[in-house]
Amino acid sequence: RKAINTILNKYAAKVDIGGQKMHPHLLRHQFGHDMVQNGETLSVLKEILGHENINTTARYTKPTKKDTQEAVERLNQ
């Protein structure tokens, strides 16, 4: 577990991830968020992620700071 975190943080230091500390669950969450943003249904994502309760999957629909910033920028266009 420590080795995986070390590798992730090594590569995270090379790219901008918004000041977040990299960890494996962040990758899983980003995957789920991206699936929802690309139009996948929660019921399909629930199956992919192996959640028993769709309310757990619904957490992946929460907008990120980047999402909200982009929404405001679209208003300014």
C-alpha atoms as a PDB file:
ATOM      1  CA  ARG A   1       0.000   0.000   0.000  1.00  0.00           C
ATOM      2  CA  LYS A   2       2.785   2.401   0.905  1.00  0.00           C
ATOM      3  CA  ALA A   3       4.629   1.585  -2.334  1.00  0.00           C
ATOM      4  CA  ILE A   4       1.552   2.362  -4.416  1.00  0.00           C
ATOM      5  CA  ASN A   5       1.074   5.689  -2.633  1.00  0.00           C
ATOM      6  CA  THR A   6       4.741   6.522  -3.168  1.00  0.00           C
ATOM      7  CA  ILE A   7       4.488   5.827  -6.901  1.00  0.00           C
ATOM      8  CA  LEU A   8       1.270   7.823  -7.246  1.00  0.00           C
ATOM      9  CA  ASN A   9       2.715  10.807  -5.402  1.00  0.00           C
ATOM     10  CA  LYS A  10       5.891  10.659  -7.496  1.00  0.00           C
ATOM     11  CA  TYR A  11       3.869  11.113 -10.681  1.00  0.00           C
ATOM     12  CA  ALA A  12       1.365  13.492  -9.106  1.00  0.00           C
ATOM     13  CA  ALA A  13       4.245  15.840  -8.312  1.00  0.00           C
ATOM     14  CA  LYS A  14       4.921  16.063 -12.058  1.00  0.00           C
ATOM     15  CA  VAL A  15       1.386  17.232 -12.929  1.00  0.00           C
ATOM     16  CA  ASP A  16      -1.073  19.677 -11.429  1.00  0.00           C
ATOM     17  CA  ILE A  17      -3.842  17.841  -9.573  1.00  0.00           C
ATOM     18  CA  GLY A  18      -5.210  20.877  -7.804  1.00  0.00           C
ATOM     19  CA  GLY A  19      -3.093  20.617  -4.686  1.00  0.00           C
ATOM     20  CA  GLN A  20      -4.642  17.315  -3.631  1.00  0.00           C
ATOM     21  CA  LYS A  21      -2.599  14.513  -2.167  1.00  0.00           C
ATOM     22  CA  MET A  22      -2.750  11.577  -4.554  1.00  0.00           C
ATOM     23  CA  HIS A  23      -4.092   8.243  -3.337  1.00  0.00           C
ATOM     24  CA  PRO A  24      -5.652   5.220  -5.074  1.00  0.00           C
ATOM     25  CA  HIS A  25      -9.220   6.085  -4.080  1.00  0.00           C
ATOM     26  CA  LEU A  26      -8.842   9.497  -5.720  1.00  0.00           C
ATOM     27  CA  LEU A  27      -8.261   7.688  -9.032  1.00  0.00           C
ATOM     28  CA  ARG A  28     -11.373   5.569  -8.488  1.00  0.00           C
ATOM     29  CA  HIS A  29     -13.412   8.642  -7.626  1.00  0.00           C
ATOM     30  CA  GLN A  30     -12.127  10.526 -10.683  1.00  0.00           C
ATOM     31  CA  PHE A  31     -13.043   7.571 -12.885  1.00  0.00           C
ATOM     32  CA  GLY A  32     -16.577   7.537 -11.493  1.00  0.00           C
ATOM     33  CA  HIS A  33     -16.923  11.300 -11.811  1.00  0.00           C
ATOM     34  CA  ASP A  34     -15.706  11.231 -15.418  1.00  0.00           C
ATOM     35  CA  MET A  35     -18.154   8.450 -16.291  1.00  0.00           C
ATOM     36  CA  VAL A  36     -21.047  10.516 -14.941  1.00  0.00           C
ATOM     37  CA  GLN A  37     -19.801  13.664 -16.685  1.00  0.00           C
ATOM     38  CA  ASN A  38     -19.706  11.720 -19.959  1.00  0.00           C
ATOM     39  CA  GLY A  39     -23.345  10.721 -19.587  1.00  0.00           C
ATOM     40  CA  GLU A  40     -23.170   7.276 -18.017  1.00  0.00           C
ATOM     41  CA  THR A  41     -26.130   6.397 -15.833  1.00  0.00           C
ATOM     42  CA  LEU A  42     -25.737   5.891 -12.109  1.00  0.00           C
ATOM     43  CA  SER A  43     -27.178   2.404 -12.341  1.00  0.00           C
ATOM     44  CA  VAL A  44     -24.481   1.330 -14.817  1.00  0.00           C
ATOM     45  CA  LEU A  45     -21.752   3.043 -12.804  1.00  0.00           C
ATOM     46  CA  LYS A  46     -23.061   1.337  -9.649  1.00  0.00           C
ATOM     47  CA  GLU A  47     -22.464  -2.028 -11.301  1.00  0.00           C
ATOM     48  CA  ILE A  48     -19.020  -1.082 -12.619  1.00  0.00           C
ATOM     49  CA  LEU A  49     -17.862   0.155  -9.219  1.00  0.00           C
ATOM     50  CA  GLY A  50     -19.483  -2.727  -7.340  1.00  0.00           C
ATOM     51  CA  HIS A  51     -21.576  -0.606  -4.994  1.00  0.00           C
ATOM     52  CA  GLU A  52     -24.508  -2.251  -3.247  1.00  0.00           C
ATOM     53  CA  ASN A  53     -26.328   1.034  -2.703  1.00  0.00           C
ATOM     54  CA  ILE A  54     -26.880   3.599  -5.461  1.00  0.00           C
ATOM     55  CA  ASN A  55     -26.601   6.371  -2.849  1.00  0.00           C
ATOM     56  CA  THR A  56     -22.924   5.507  -2.552  1.00  0.00           C
ATOM     57  CA  THR A  57     -22.572   5.862  -6.315  1.00  0.00           C
ATOM     58  CA  ALA A  58     -24.418   9.192  -6.248  1.00  0.00           C
ATOM     59  CA  ARG A  59     -21.425  10.716  -4.426  1.00  0.00           C
ATOM     60  CA  TYR A  60     -19.620  10.647  -7.741  1.00  0.00           C
ATOM     61  CA  THR A  61     -22.073  13.173  -9.180  1.00  0.00           C
ATOM     62  CA  LYS A  62     -20.944  15.924  -6.816  1.00  0.00           C
ATOM     63  CA  PRO A  63     -19.360  18.700  -8.894  1.00  0.00           C
ATOM     64  CA  THR A  64     -15.676  19.393  -8.382  1.00  0.00           C
ATOM     65  CA  LYS A  65     -14.239  22.858  -7.911  1.00  0.00           C
ATOM     66  CA  LYS A  66     -13.116  22.694 -11.540  1.00  0.00           C
ATOM     67  CA  ASP A  67     -16.675  21.828 -12.645  1.00  0.00           C
ATOM     68  CA  THR A  68     -18.115  24.848 -10.862  1.00  0.00           C
ATOM     69  CA  GLN A  69     -15.395  27.155 -12.201  1.00  0.00           C
ATOM     70  CA  GLU A  70     -16.051  25.980 -15.760  1.00  0.00           C
ATOM     71  CA  ALA A  71     -19.801  26.540 -15.301  1.00  0.00           C
ATOM     72  CA  VAL A  72     -19.193  30.134 -14.251  1.00  0.00           C
ATOM     73  CA  GLU A  73     -16.789  30.648 -17.176  1.00  0.00           C
ATOM     74  CA  ARG A  74     -19.463  29.403 -19.603  1.00  0.00           C
ATOM     75  CA  LEU A  75     -21.773  32.129 -18.296  1.00  0.00           C
ATOM     76  CA  ASN A  76     -19.156  34.744 -19.127  1.00  0.00           C
ATOM     77  CA  GLN A  77     -18.886  33.612 -22.762  1.00  0.00           C
END
